[in-house]
């Protein structure tokens, strides 16, 4: 039985929410200098990368690695 679930929507939504949270901290909370925001930019970039990966997974559809038995085609 083929795996029909479209993966990635959770990554798109979760990545977008986390990126918005980090960007809100960067732009809304006052900082003393650019060195204070460097770790926040890393978090925002990682969240955007997760969002892009989720979008790719949603468009590409299911893969053999998404099989319920750990990436195998075994019908156990």
Protein backbone atom coordinates (compact mmCIF):
# COMPACT_ATOMS: atom_id res chain seq x y z
CA UNK A 1 0.00 0.00 0.00
CA UNK A 2 1.65 3.30 -1.03
CA UNK A 3 2.18 6.02 1.50
CA UNK A 4 -0.10 8.93 0.45
CA UNK A 5 0.57 11.53 3.15
CA UNK A 6 2.00 14.87 2.01
CA UNK A 7 4.83 15.65 4.38
CA UNK A 8 6.24 19.05 5.08
CA UNK A 9 3.26 21.18 6.07
CA UNK A 10 4.25 20.99 9.73
CA UNK A 11 7.75 22.18 8.89
CA UNK A 12 6.38 25.07 6.83
CA UNK A 13 4.04 26.25 9.57
CA UNK A 14 6.47 25.60 12.43
CA UNK A 15 9.40 27.20 10.62
CA UNK A 16 7.34 30.27 9.77
CA UNK A 17 6.19 30.70 13.37
CA UNK A 18 9.68 30.29 14.80
CA UNK A 19 11.17 32.63 12.18
CA UNK A 20 8.55 35.28 13.01
CA UNK A 21 9.33 34.89 16.71
CA UNK A 22 13.07 35.39 16.19
CA UNK A 23 12.53 38.29 13.78
CA UNK A 24 10.16 39.93 16.27
CA UNK A 25 12.87 39.74 18.93
CA UNK A 26 15.39 41.22 16.50
CA UNK A 27 13.25 44.16 15.35
CA UNK A 28 11.01 44.93 18.35
CA UNK A 29 13.20 44.39 21.44
CA UNK A 30 15.82 47.13 21.88
CA UNK A 31 19.43 45.93 21.68
CA UNK A 32 22.66 47.64 22.65
CA UNK A 33 24.50 46.68 19.48
CA UNK A 34 24.70 44.33 16.50
CA UNK A 35 26.56 41.71 18.52
CA UNK A 36 23.43 41.18 20.63
CA UNK A 37 21.37 40.16 17.60
CA UNK A 38 23.85 37.75 15.98
CA UNK A 39 22.54 34.61 17.76
CA UNK A 40 18.98 35.66 16.98
CA UNK A 41 19.79 35.87 13.26
CA UNK A 42 21.13 32.31 13.38
CA UNK A 43 17.85 31.10 14.88
CA UNK A 44 15.83 32.97 12.25
CA UNK A 45 17.95 31.54 9.43
CA UNK A 46 17.59 27.97 10.74
CA UNK A 47 13.83 28.42 11.00
CA UNK A 48 13.67 29.73 7.41
CA UNK A 49 15.73 26.76 6.22
CA UNK A 50 13.29 24.39 7.97
CA UNK A 51 10.43 26.23 6.27
CA UNK A 52 12.11 25.87 2.86
CA UNK A 53 12.74 22.15 3.47
CA UNK A 54 9.10 21.68 4.45
CA UNK A 55 7.95 23.48 1.30
CA UNK A 56 10.17 21.21 -0.81
CA UNK A 57 8.80 18.11 0.97
CA UNK A 58 5.24 19.32 0.37
CA UNK A 59 5.82 19.93 -3.36
CA UNK A 60 7.94 16.82 -3.97
CA UNK A 61 5.49 14.48 -2.27
CA UNK A 62 6.24 11.30 -0.34
CA UNK A 63 9.51 9.46 -0.65
CA UNK A 64 10.62 5.90 0.12
CA UNK A 65 12.23 7.21 3.31
CA UNK A 66 8.76 8.15 4.61
CA UNK A 67 7.66 4.52 4.71
CA UNK A 68 6.15 3.43 8.02
CA UNK A 69 8.71 0.63 8.45
CA UNK A 70 11.75 2.88 8.63
CA UNK A 71 12.56 3.52 4.98
CA UNK A 72 12.06 -0.03 3.73
CA UNK A 73 9.46 -1.50 1.44
CA UNK A 74 8.92 -4.49 3.74
CA UNK A 75 5.29 -5.36 4.35
CA UNK A 76 5.65 -6.63 7.91
